[in-house]
Amino acid sequence: MIKSMTGFGCYELTKDSRKLIIEMKSVNHKYLDVNMKMPRRLSLFENDMRNVLKRYVARGKIDIFVTYEDLSGTDTNLKYNETLAKEYLKYFRKMEEELNLTNDVTVLSLSRCPDVLTMEDAEMEEEKVWQLIEETLEKACERFVESREKEGERLKEDLVQKLDQMLKTVEYIEEKSPQVLEDYRKKLEDKMHELLENSQIDDSRIASEVVLFADKMCVDEEVVRLKSHVSGMREELMQGKVQGRKLDFLAQEMNREANTILSKANNLDITNQAISLKTEIEKIREQIQNIE
C-alpha cells in the first residue's frame, strides 16, 4: 500500500482514572523527524514512544501532542517545608529586635513565604501509565497510518494518470521523429533544386547531409529509456510496494532523457511535446515528494 507523508491521527483513552489524548500530524520530510509536546512528567517515556512510532512510520516530519489528566485528584501533593518556615520565623524575630518593629507574623502570612508550602507531583505508577500511553499511541498510529494510506491511494491514481499521458506523448515523439527526417530530406532536395536549377544534383551529397542531420536529431535511445522509466514507475505504483526515494530517482532519470530530447529537437512540434514532458515530470516529482 502506498503511503503519503501527509497524515493525521488522534485517539483518546480513559483508564484507571487517567485520561490520555494523543494527536499526530505530519508533512513530508527526507527522513523521520519527530517532535513531541507532552507534560513534563511524561518525558521519561519519550524514547519508548519513539520506538513504538518507528514500527508504523519510516519517513516524514511528525508532530505529536500528548494531553494527560489524572481524574482521581491524587496526582499532586502539598508539601510543608518545616525547616524553611523556622528559618523565616527566626529572621522575622531578629528583624523585630534590631529594627524595633512589631512582629505581626501569622501562620497564614508565614505560609505565603516562598517555598514554605509547595505543590509536588505525586509518585506516578510508571507501569500503568506506560500501558495507557502505549495503547493510546498504537491506536493513534493506526488511524494515522490509515489516513496516510488513503492519501497515498489518491496520489497513486494521480501519478498513474500522469504517467499514462506521458507515455502517449513519448509514443507521439517516437512516431513523429522519422517524419521530421523525411521532411528535412525533401526540404533539402527542394532547396538544392532551387539553387542549382537544372544542374545535376549529387544524390550522395544529399544523403551525407541527411545522415549528419539524422545523427544530430536522433532520439531513439532517449525514447526507449524514457518509455522504460515511465513503465517502470507505473509498475512500481501498481504493485503498491514503493519507496519515495526510488521513485524520485526514476523521476530524475526521466527528466534527464526529456532534457536530451528537447536539446535535440529540430521541430517545433517535437519541441512543444518535450516541454510538455518536462512539465509533467516536474509535477510528478512534486507528488513523489509526498510518498513515504
C-alpha atoms as a PDB file:
ATOM      1  CA  MET A   1       0.000   0.000   0.000  1.00  0.00           C
ATOM      2  CA  ILE A   2       1.355   3.419  -0.990  1.00  0.00           C
ATOM      3  CA  LYS A   3       1.544   5.857   1.907  1.00  0.00           C
ATOM      4  CA  SER A   4       1.602   9.612   1.729  1.00  0.00           C
ATOM      5  CA  MET A   5       3.756  11.501   4.212  1.00  0.00           C
ATOM      6  CA  THR A   6       0.807  13.784   4.930  1.00  0.00           C
ATOM      7  CA  GLY A   7      -1.439  12.360   7.607  1.00  0.00           C
ATOM      8  CA  PHE A   8      -3.404  12.871  10.809  1.00  0.00           C
ATOM      9  CA  GLY A   9      -4.395  10.587  13.662  1.00  0.00           C
ATOM     10  CA  CYS A  10      -5.914  11.103  17.088  1.00  0.00           C
ATOM     11  CA  TYR A  11      -7.040   8.786  19.871  1.00  0.00           C
ATOM     12  CA  GLU A  12      -8.435   9.349  23.372  1.00  0.00           C
ATOM     13  CA  LEU A  13      -8.430   6.734  26.134  1.00  0.00           C
ATOM     14  CA  THR A  14      -9.563   6.809  29.767  1.00  0.00           C
ATOM     15  CA  LYS A  15      -8.482   4.004  32.079  1.00  0.00           C
ATOM     16  CA  ASP A  16      -7.829   3.637  35.832  1.00  0.00           C
ATOM     17  CA  SER A  17      -8.923   7.239  36.481  1.00  0.00           C
ATOM     18  CA  ARG A  18      -6.395   8.519  33.916  1.00  0.00           C
ATOM     19  CA  LYS A  19      -7.271  10.285  30.681  1.00  0.00           C
ATOM     20  CA  LEU A  20      -4.840  10.462  27.765  1.00  0.00           C
ATOM     21  CA  ILE A  21      -5.195  12.102  24.341  1.00  0.00           C
ATOM     22  CA  ILE A  22      -2.574  11.659  21.622  1.00  0.00           C
ATOM     23  CA  GLU A  23      -2.784  13.679  18.411  1.00  0.00           C
ATOM     24  CA  MET A  24      -0.432  13.205  15.445  1.00  0.00           C
ATOM     25  CA  LYS A  25       0.036  15.123  12.222  1.00  0.00           C
ATOM     26  CA  SER A  26       2.761  15.058   9.596  1.00  0.00           C
ATOM     27  CA  VAL A  27       4.142  16.599   6.416  1.00  0.00           C
ATOM     28  CA  ASN A  28       6.795  15.378   4.002  1.00  0.00           C
ATOM     29  CA  HIS A  29      10.444  15.187   5.053  1.00  0.00           C
ATOM     30  CA  LYS A  30      13.533  13.454   3.699  1.00  0.00           C
ATOM     31  CA  TYR A  31      13.987  11.477   6.929  1.00  0.00           C
ATOM     32  CA  LEU A  32      11.983  10.662  10.062  1.00  0.00           C
ATOM     33  CA  ASP A  33      11.781  13.808  12.179  1.00  0.00           C
ATOM     34  CA  VAL A  34       9.637  13.534  15.311  1.00  0.00           C
ATOM     35  CA  ASN A  35       8.710  16.416  17.604  1.00  0.00           C
ATOM     36  CA  MET A  36       6.800  15.594  20.808  1.00  0.00           C
ATOM     37  CA  LYS A  37       4.953  18.013  23.039  1.00  0.00           C
ATOM     38  CA  MET A  38       3.826  16.460  26.315  1.00  0.00           C
ATOM     39  CA  PRO A  39       3.576  17.147  30.057  1.00  0.00           C
ATOM     40  CA  ARG A  40       6.990  17.256  31.703  1.00  0.00           C
ATOM     41  CA  ARG A  41       6.206  14.333  33.987  1.00  0.00           C
ATOM     42  CA  LEU A  42       5.678  12.049  30.942  1.00  0.00           C
ATOM     43  CA  SER A  43       9.014  12.912  29.315  1.00  0.00           C
ATOM     44  CA  LEU A  44      10.623   9.756  30.731  1.00  0.00           C
ATOM     45  CA  PHE A  45       8.506   7.741  28.262  1.00  0.00           C
ATOM     46  CA  GLU A  46       9.673   9.651  25.162  1.00  0.00           C
ATOM     47  CA  ASN A  47      12.244   7.092  23.957  1.00  0.00           C
ATOM     48  CA  ASP A  48       9.765   4.240  24.342  1.00  0.00           C
ATOM     49  CA  MET A  49       7.172   6.240  22.416  1.00  0.00           C
ATOM     50  CA  ARG A  50       9.647   6.831  19.588  1.00  0.00           C
ATOM     51  CA  ASN A  51      10.325   3.094  19.378  1.00  0.00           C
ATOM     52  CA  VAL A  52       6.588   2.406  19.046  1.00  0.00           C
ATOM     53  CA  LEU A  53       6.275   5.074  16.355  1.00  0.00           C
ATOM     54  CA  LYS A  54       9.090   3.552  14.274  1.00  0.00           C
ATOM     55  CA  ARG A  55       7.012   0.396  13.850  1.00  0.00           C
ATOM     56  CA  TYR A  56       4.427   2.408  11.932  1.00  0.00           C
ATOM     57  CA  VAL A  57       6.341   5.214  10.195  1.00  0.00           C
ATOM     58  CA  ALA A  58       9.549   5.369   8.142  1.00  0.00           C
ATOM     59  CA  ARG A  59       9.692   8.979   6.922  1.00  0.00           C
ATOM     60  CA  GLY A  60       8.092  12.369   7.487  1.00  0.00           C
ATOM     61  CA  LYS A  61       8.102  15.328   9.839  1.00  0.00           C
ATOM     62  CA  ILE A  62       5.723  14.302  12.608  1.00  0.00           C
ATOM     63  CA  ASP A  63       4.328  16.448  15.421  1.00  0.00           C
ATOM     64  CA  ILE A  64       2.853  14.571  18.386  1.00  0.00           C
ATOM     65  CA  PHE A  65       0.752  16.304  21.058  1.00  0.00           C
ATOM     66  CA  VAL A  66       0.038  14.488  24.326  1.00  0.00           C
ATOM     67  CA  THR A  67      -2.566  15.583  26.868  1.00  0.00           C
ATOM     68  CA  TYR A  68      -2.636  13.782  30.227  1.00  0.00           C
ATOM     69  CA  GLU A  69      -5.055  14.150  33.117  1.00  0.00           C
ATOM     70  CA  ASP A  70      -5.307  12.279  36.426  1.00  0.00           C
ATOM     71  CA  LEU A  71      -9.027  12.143  37.208  1.00  0.00           C
ATOM     72  CA  SER A  72      -8.504  10.726  40.710  1.00  0.00           C
ATOM     73  CA  GLY A  73      -7.335  14.103  42.026  1.00  0.00           C
ATOM     74  CA  THR A  74      -4.324  12.496  43.722  1.00  0.00           C
ATOM     75  CA  ASP A  75      -1.736  13.455  41.137  1.00  0.00           C
ATOM     76  CA  THR A  76      -0.331  16.280  43.306  1.00  0.00           C
ATOM     77  CA  ASN A  77       0.631  16.592  46.983  1.00  0.00           C
ATOM     78  CA  LEU A  78       1.022  19.620  49.215  1.00  0.00           C
ATOM     79  CA  LYS A  79       4.423  19.684  50.896  1.00  0.00           C
ATOM     80  CA  TYR A  80       5.308  21.687  54.050  1.00  0.00           C
ATOM     81  CA  ASN A  81       8.951  22.752  54.482  1.00  0.00           C
ATOM     82  CA  GLU A  82       9.238  22.988  58.266  1.00  0.00           C
ATOM     83  CA  THR A  83      12.942  23.859  58.283  1.00  0.00           C
ATOM     84  CA  LEU A  84      12.455  26.771  55.905  1.00  0.00           C
ATOM     85  CA  ALA A  85       9.443  28.060  57.907  1.00  0.00           C
ATOM     86  CA  LYS A  86      11.548  28.099  61.091  1.00  0.00           C
ATOM     87  CA  GLU A  87      14.302  29.996  59.253  1.00  0.00           C
ATOM     88  CA  TYR A  88      11.811  32.642  58.107  1.00  0.00           C
ATOM     89  CA  LEU A  89      10.420  32.977  61.638  1.00  0.00           C
ATOM     90  CA  LYS A  90      13.913  33.255  63.148  1.00  0.00           C
ATOM     91  CA  TYR A  91      14.833  36.153  60.870  1.00  0.00           C
ATOM     92  CA  PHE A  92      11.462  37.845  61.385  1.00  0.00           C
ATOM     93  CA  ARG A  93      12.169  37.875  65.168  1.00  0.00           C
ATOM     94  CA  LYS A  94      15.681  39.170  64.563  1.00  0.00           C
ATOM     95  CA  MET A  95      14.267  41.983  62.430  1.00  0.00           C
ATOM     96  CA  GLU A  96      11.803  42.758  65.241  1.00  0.00           C
ATOM     97  CA  GLU A  97      14.601  43.176  67.803  1.00  0.00           C
ATOM     98  CA  GLU A  98      17.102  45.049  65.621  1.00  0.00           C
ATOM     99  CA  LEU A  99      14.652  47.372  63.894  1.00  0.00           C
ATOM    100  CA  ASN A 100      12.253  47.778  66.820  1.00  0.00           C
ATOM    101  CA  LEU A 101       9.285  46.680  64.756  1.00  0.00           C
ATOM    102  CA  THR A 102       6.079  44.898  65.733  1.00  0.00           C
ATOM    103  CA  ASN A 103       6.194  41.235  64.862  1.00  0.00           C
ATOM    104  CA  ASP A 104       2.767  40.545  63.351  1.00  0.00           C
ATOM    105  CA  VAL A 105       3.656  37.256  61.649  1.00  0.00           C
ATOM    106  CA  THR A 106       0.761  34.811  61.462  1.00  0.00           C
ATOM    107  CA  VAL A 107       0.560  31.262  60.241  1.00  0.00           C
ATOM    108  CA  LEU A 108      -1.173  32.484  57.095  1.00  0.00           C
ATOM    109  CA  SER A 109       1.470  35.098  56.292  1.00  0.00           C
ATOM    110  CA  LEU A 110       4.266  32.624  57.011  1.00  0.00           C
ATOM    111  CA  SER A 111       2.685  30.063  54.683  1.00  0.00           C
ATOM    112  CA  ARG A 112       2.824  32.611  51.876  1.00  0.00           C
ATOM    113  CA  CYS A 113       6.589  32.884  52.061  1.00  0.00           C
ATOM    114  CA  PRO A 114       8.330  31.319  49.066  1.00  0.00           C
ATOM    115  CA  ASP A 115       8.698  27.518  49.185  1.00  0.00           C
ATOM    116  CA  VAL A 116       7.173  27.062  52.646  1.00  0.00           C
ATOM    117  CA  LEU A 117       4.198  25.308  51.069  1.00  0.00           C
ATOM    118  CA  THR A 118       4.703  23.747  47.617  1.00  0.00           C
ATOM    119  CA  MET A 119       2.751  21.512  45.279  1.00  0.00           C
ATOM    120  CA  GLU A 120       4.552  18.407  44.072  1.00  0.00           C
ATOM    121  CA  ASP A 121       3.580  15.698  41.636  1.00  0.00           C
ATOM    122  CA  ALA A 122       2.547  12.537  43.373  1.00  0.00           C
ATOM    123  CA  GLU A 123       4.614   9.456  42.724  1.00  0.00           C
ATOM    124  CA  MET A 124       3.496   8.033  39.415  1.00  0.00           C
ATOM    125  CA  GLU A 125       2.708   4.394  38.767  1.00  0.00           C
ATOM    126  CA  GLU A 126       5.017   4.174  35.783  1.00  0.00           C
ATOM    127  CA  GLU A 127       3.968   0.733  34.588  1.00  0.00           C
ATOM    128  CA  LYS A 128       0.251   1.586  34.473  1.00  0.00           C
ATOM    129  CA  VAL A 129       0.881   4.967  32.894  1.00  0.00           C
ATOM    130  CA  TRP A 130       3.083   3.402  30.208  1.00  0.00           C
ATOM    131  CA  GLN A 131       0.426   0.787  29.431  1.00  0.00           C
ATOM    132  CA  LEU A 132      -2.034   3.636  28.921  1.00  0.00           C
ATOM    133  CA  ILE A 133       0.410   5.577  26.721  1.00  0.00           C
ATOM    134  CA  GLU A 134       1.354   2.537  24.640  1.00  0.00           C
ATOM    135  CA  GLU A 135      -2.240   1.536  23.948  1.00  0.00           C
ATOM    136  CA  THR A 136      -3.289   5.094  23.106  1.00  0.00           C
ATOM    137  CA  LEU A 137      -0.250   5.688  20.900  1.00  0.00           C
ATOM    138  CA  GLU A 138      -0.763   2.461  18.949  1.00  0.00           C
ATOM    139  CA  LYS A 139      -4.407   3.333  18.279  1.00  0.00           C
ATOM    140  CA  ALA A 140      -3.420   6.854  17.229  1.00  0.00           C
ATOM    141  CA  CYS A 141      -0.726   5.411  14.946  1.00  0.00           C
ATOM    142  CA  GLU A 142      -3.208   3.039  13.321  1.00  0.00           C
ATOM    143  CA  ARG A 143      -5.526   5.929  12.480  1.00  0.00           C
ATOM    144  CA  PHE A 144      -2.534   7.997  11.393  1.00  0.00           C
ATOM    145  CA  VAL A 145      -1.328   5.270   9.002  1.00  0.00           C
ATOM    146  CA  GLU A 146      -4.869   4.781   7.686  1.00  0.00           C
ATOM    147  CA  SER A 147      -5.092   8.466   6.756  1.00  0.00           C
ATOM    148  CA  ARG A 148      -1.674   8.238   5.063  1.00  0.00           C
ATOM    149  CA  GLU A 149      -2.787   5.214   3.046  1.00  0.00           C
ATOM    150  CA  LYS A 150      -5.950   6.978   1.865  1.00  0.00           C
ATOM    151  CA  GLU A 151      -3.924   9.982   0.766  1.00  0.00           C
ATOM    152  CA  GLY A 152      -1.374   7.635  -0.812  1.00  0.00           C
ATOM    153  CA  GLU A 153      -4.101   5.971  -2.895  1.00  0.00           C
ATOM    154  CA  ARG A 154      -5.139   9.369  -4.238  1.00  0.00           C
ATOM    155  CA  LEU A 155      -1.510  10.138  -5.058  1.00  0.00           C
ATOM    156  CA  LYS A 156      -1.196   6.828  -6.869  1.00  0.00           C
ATOM    157  CA  GLU A 157      -4.246   7.474  -9.052  1.00  0.00           C
ATOM    158  CA  ASP A 158      -2.986  10.924  -9.979  1.00  0.00           C
ATOM    159  CA  LEU A 159       0.545   9.686 -10.753  1.00  0.00           C
ATOM    160  CA  VAL A 160      -0.660   6.768 -12.889  1.00  0.00           C
ATOM    161  CA  GLN A 161      -2.858   9.152 -14.871  1.00  0.00           C
ATOM    162  CA  LYS A 162       0.093  11.486 -15.476  1.00  0.00           C
ATOM    163  CA  LEU A 163       2.365   8.578 -16.476  1.00  0.00           C
ATOM    164  CA  ASP A 164      -0.200   7.273 -18.975  1.00  0.00           C
ATOM    165  CA  GLN A 165      -0.378  10.711 -20.563  1.00  0.00           C
ATOM    166  CA  MET A 166       3.421  10.904 -20.652  1.00  0.00           C
ATOM    167  CA  LEU A 167       3.618   7.536 -22.393  1.00  0.00           C
ATOM    168  CA  LYS A 168       1.288   8.809 -25.119  1.00  0.00           C
ATOM    169  CA  THR A 169       3.472  11.880 -25.570  1.00  0.00           C
ATOM    170  CA  VAL A 170       6.644   9.772 -25.826  1.00  0.00           C
ATOM    171  CA  GLU A 171       4.986   7.477 -28.378  1.00  0.00           C
ATOM    172  CA  TYR A 172       3.953  10.540 -30.394  1.00  0.00           C
ATOM    173  CA  ILE A 173       7.569  11.775 -30.438  1.00  0.00           C
ATOM    174  CA  GLU A 174       8.701   8.302 -31.469  1.00  0.00           C
ATOM    175  CA  GLU A 175       6.276   8.280 -34.395  1.00  0.00           C
ATOM    176  CA  LYS A 176       6.963  11.897 -35.369  1.00  0.00           C
ATOM    177  CA  SER A 177      10.790  11.703 -35.475  1.00  0.00           C
ATOM    178  CA  PRO A 178      11.088   9.684 -38.762  1.00  0.00           C
ATOM    179  CA  GLN A 179       8.669  12.067 -40.419  1.00  0.00           C
ATOM    180  CA  VAL A 180      10.834  15.017 -39.345  1.00  0.00           C
ATOM    181  CA  LEU A 181      13.825  13.374 -41.040  1.00  0.00           C
ATOM    182  CA  GLU A 182      11.850  12.744 -44.223  1.00  0.00           C
ATOM    183  CA  ASP A 183      10.612  16.342 -44.240  1.00  0.00           C
ATOM    184  CA  TYR A 184      14.183  17.561 -43.886  1.00  0.00           C
ATOM    185  CA  ARG A 185      15.326  15.442 -46.816  1.00  0.00           C
ATOM    186  CA  LYS A 186      12.543  16.840 -49.005  1.00  0.00           C
ATOM    187  CA  LYS A 187      13.254  20.432 -47.982  1.00  0.00           C
ATOM    188  CA  LEU A 188      16.949  19.920 -48.649  1.00  0.00           C
ATOM    189  CA  GLU A 189      16.312  18.500 -52.123  1.00  0.00           C
ATOM    190  CA  ASP A 190      13.870  21.293 -52.963  1.00  0.00           C
ATOM    191  CA  LYS A 191      16.330  23.920 -51.789  1.00  0.00           C
ATOM    192  CA  MET A 192      19.171  22.450 -53.819  1.00  0.00           C
ATOM    193  CA  HIS A 193      16.937  22.224 -56.921  1.00  0.00           C
ATOM    194  CA  GLU A 194      16.013  25.835 -56.419  1.00  0.00           C
ATOM    195  CA  LEU A 195      19.630  26.920 -56.072  1.00  0.00           C
ATOM    196  CA  LEU A 196      21.115  24.756 -58.809  1.00  0.00           C
ATOM    197  CA  GLU A 197      18.079  24.859 -61.085  1.00  0.00           C
ATOM    198  CA  ASN A 198      18.785  22.444 -63.957  1.00  0.00           C
ATOM    199  CA  SER A 199      22.283  21.443 -62.836  1.00  0.00           C
ATOM    200  CA  GLN A 200      22.816  17.839 -61.925  1.00  0.00           C
ATOM    201  CA  ILE A 201      22.414  17.119 -58.189  1.00  0.00           C
ATOM    202  CA  ASP A 202      24.783  14.794 -56.422  1.00  0.00           C
ATOM    203  CA  ASP A 203      22.491  12.351 -54.567  1.00  0.00           C
ATOM    204  CA  SER A 204      25.353  11.156 -52.397  1.00  0.00           C
ATOM    205  CA  ARG A 205      25.901  14.699 -51.149  1.00  0.00           C
ATOM    206  CA  ILE A 206      22.257  14.959 -50.135  1.00  0.00           C
ATOM    207  CA  ALA A 207      22.416  11.555 -48.466  1.00  0.00           C
ATOM    208  CA  SER A 208      25.501  12.583 -46.466  1.00  0.00           C
ATOM    209  CA  GLU A 209      23.813  15.761 -45.295  1.00  0.00           C
ATOM    210  CA  VAL A 210      20.694  13.845 -44.265  1.00  0.00           C
ATOM    211  CA  VAL A 211      22.803  11.316 -42.339  1.00  0.00           C
ATOM    212  CA  LEU A 212      24.538  14.111 -40.419  1.00  0.00           C
ATOM    213  CA  PHE A 213      21.184  15.685 -39.600  1.00  0.00           C
ATOM    214  CA  ALA A 214      19.718  12.342 -38.557  1.00  0.00           C
ATOM    215  CA  ASP A 215      22.646  11.710 -36.229  1.00  0.00           C
ATOM    216  CA  LYS A 216      22.146  15.082 -34.518  1.00  0.00           C
ATOM    217  CA  MET A 217      18.405  14.797 -34.023  1.00  0.00           C
ATOM    218  CA  CYS A 218      18.035  11.036 -33.415  1.00  0.00           C
ATOM    219  CA  VAL A 219      16.264  10.421 -30.102  1.00  0.00           C
ATOM    220  CA  ASP A 220      15.699   6.669 -30.424  1.00  0.00           C
ATOM    221  CA  GLU A 221      17.836   5.799 -27.388  1.00  0.00           C
ATOM    222  CA  GLU A 222      16.304   8.544 -25.251  1.00  0.00           C
ATOM    223  CA  VAL A 223      12.782   7.490 -26.213  1.00  0.00           C
ATOM    224  CA  VAL A 224      13.475   3.830 -25.356  1.00  0.00           C
ATOM    225  CA  ARG A 225      14.955   4.741 -21.967  1.00  0.00           C
ATOM    226  CA  LEU A 226      12.181   7.211 -21.194  1.00  0.00           C
ATOM    227  CA  LYS A 227       9.480   4.666 -22.027  1.00  0.00           C
ATOM    228  CA  SER A 228      11.285   2.167 -19.829  1.00  0.00           C
ATOM    229  CA  HIS A 229      11.406   4.605 -16.874  1.00  0.00           C
ATOM    230  CA  VAL A 230       7.735   5.563 -17.299  1.00  0.00           C
ATOM    231  CA  SER A 231       6.654   1.913 -17.484  1.00  0.00           C
ATOM    232  CA  GLY A 232       8.909   1.031 -14.545  1.00  0.00           C
ATOM    233  CA  MET A 233       7.447   3.738 -12.333  1.00  0.00           C
ATOM    234  CA  ARG A 234       3.911   2.800 -13.312  1.00  0.00           C
ATOM    235  CA  GLU A 235       4.598  -0.843 -12.466  1.00  0.00           C
ATOM    236  CA  GLU A 236       6.039   0.135  -9.070  1.00  0.00           C
ATOM    237  CA  LEU A 237       2.938   2.173  -8.305  1.00  0.00           C
ATOM    238  CA  MET A 238       0.530  -0.566  -9.351  1.00  0.00           C
ATOM    239  CA  GLN A 239       2.336  -3.132  -7.198  1.00  0.00           C
ATOM    240  CA  GLY A 240       1.873  -0.809  -4.228  1.00  0.00           C
ATOM    241  CA  LYS A 241       5.216  -1.623  -2.605  1.00  0.00           C
ATOM    242  CA  VAL A 242       7.140   1.532  -3.346  1.00  0.00           C
ATOM    243  CA  GLN A 243       9.610   3.851  -1.689  1.00  0.00           C
ATOM    244  CA  GLY A 244       9.571   7.561  -2.376  1.00  0.00           C
ATOM    245  CA  ARG A 245      13.355   7.626  -2.785  1.00  0.00           C
ATOM    246  CA  LYS A 246      13.257   5.056  -5.596  1.00  0.00           C
ATOM    247  CA  LEU A 247      10.507   6.898  -7.433  1.00  0.00           C
ATOM    248  CA  ASP A 248      12.393  10.152  -7.057  1.00  0.00           C
ATOM    249  CA  PHE A 249      15.441   8.548  -8.697  1.00  0.00           C
ATOM    250  CA  LEU A 250      13.312   7.346 -11.621  1.00  0.00           C
ATOM    251  CA  ALA A 251      11.841  10.834 -11.997  1.00  0.00           C
ATOM    252  CA  GLN A 252      15.351  12.316 -12.171  1.00  0.00           C
ATOM    253  CA  GLU A 253      16.281   9.868 -14.931  1.00  0.00           C
ATOM    254  CA  MET A 254      13.082  10.684 -16.819  1.00  0.00           C
ATOM    255  CA  ASN A 255      13.901  14.377 -16.607  1.00  0.00           C
ATOM    256  CA  ARG A 256      17.412  13.709 -17.937  1.00  0.00           C
ATOM    257  CA  GLU A 257      16.058  11.932 -21.022  1.00  0.00           C
ATOM    258  CA  ALA A 258      13.427  14.627 -21.619  1.00  0.00           C
ATOM    259  CA  ASN A 259      16.155  17.303 -21.488  1.00  0.00           C
ATOM    260  CA  THR A 260      18.178  15.432 -24.116  1.00  0.00           C
ATOM    261  CA  ILE A 261      15.137  15.061 -26.392  1.00  0.00           C
ATOM    262  CA  LEU A 262      14.454  18.785 -26.032  1.00  0.00           C
ATOM    263  CA  SER A 263      18.057  19.694 -26.862  1.00  0.00           C
ATOM    264  CA  LYS A 264      17.985  17.529 -29.999  1.00  0.00           C
ATOM    265  CA  ALA A 265      14.575  18.644 -31.180  1.00  0.00           C
ATOM    266  CA  ASN A 266      14.732  20.373 -34.555  1.00  0.00           C
ATOM    267  CA  ASN A 267      10.998  20.555 -34.981  1.00  0.00           C
ATOM    268  CA  LEU A 268       8.523  22.881 -33.286  1.00  0.00           C
ATOM    269  CA  ASP A 269       6.004  20.109 -32.680  1.00  0.00           C
ATOM    270  CA  ILE A 270       8.564  17.824 -31.015  1.00  0.00           C
ATOM    271  CA  THR A 271       9.917  20.765 -29.007  1.00  0.00           C
ATOM    272  CA  ASN A 272       6.440  21.504 -27.644  1.00  0.00           C
ATOM    273  CA  GLN A 273       5.918  17.843 -26.799  1.00  0.00           C
ATOM    274  CA  ALA A 274       9.280  17.681 -24.997  1.00  0.00           C
ATOM    275  CA  ILE A 275       8.387  20.787 -22.990  1.00  0.00           C
ATOM    276  CA  SER A 276       5.075  19.160 -22.105  1.00  0.00           C
ATOM    277  CA  LEU A 277       7.018  16.076 -20.930  1.00  0.00           C
ATOM    278  CA  LYS A 278       9.252  18.173 -18.678  1.00  0.00           C
ATOM    279  CA  THR A 279       6.220  19.916 -17.198  1.00  0.00           C
ATOM    280  CA  GLU A 280       4.540  16.606 -16.368  1.00  0.00           C
ATOM    281  CA  ILE A 281       7.770  15.172 -14.926  1.00  0.00           C
ATOM    282  CA  GLU A 282       8.101  18.184 -12.628  1.00  0.00           C
ATOM    283  CA  LYS A 283       4.531  17.676 -11.414  1.00  0.00           C
ATOM    284  CA  ILE A 284       5.306  14.001 -10.799  1.00  0.00           C
ATOM    285  CA  ARG A 285       8.437  14.867  -8.833  1.00  0.00           C
ATOM    286  CA  GLU A 286       6.429  17.226  -6.616  1.00  0.00           C
ATOM    287  CA  GLN A 287       3.875  14.498  -5.936  1.00  0.00           C
ATOM    288  CA  ILE A 288       6.572  11.906  -5.238  1.00  0.00           C
ATOM    289  CA  GLN A 289       7.998  14.160  -2.505  1.00  0.00           C
ATOM    290  CA  ASN A 290       4.872  13.269  -0.501  1.00  0.00           C
ATOM    291  CA  ILE A 291       5.316   9.492  -0.756  1.00  0.00           C
ATOM    292  CA  GLU A 292       6.890   7.752   2.259  1.00  0.00           C
END
